[in-house]
């Protein structure tokens, strides 16, 4: 497979009309999403949430890509599914750790079926420093404790402690 890097750079916004270019991991990840394509990304997500053999390898590929498209497709699977399939879609969103998933955490924490993975999404985004520990994330930790009737208290305390230690370095 050959890549027309000039066209791709224009498409993802790293090459400007004046000839100047920007480079970053974020542009590289956008480029990989484009190179791999929607069909590959969607079939990979389906492979994972359907518990097919090789799903660990597939998940690790998506995790390394932090793919926005895969995250959005996994969310679509979550919204259109229930039970174990919805649970696995949020599990995958956690592992991909794309910052776009921050906007869905409250929804996950309000869903008894996936509340544990909803907290996992928040944890992973904080751990990988994709999002900041701020008033919003603090309130999400509180929501996890409330909605789980305290069952996630140990995990929320661990997250808080880790953030405090990281911030004190």
Foldseek 3Di string as FASTA:
>chain_A
DDDPVVVLQVVLVQADPVGHGDDDLVSVLVSVPVVCDLVNLLVLLVCQLVPHPPNVVSLVVLLVSLHPSNLVSLVVQLVVDDASSVQRSLLSNLSSLRLVCVVCLVVQCQDPRNVVSSVSSLLSNVVVVVDDPDPVSVVSLVSNCVSVVNPCVVVSVVSVVVVVVVVVD
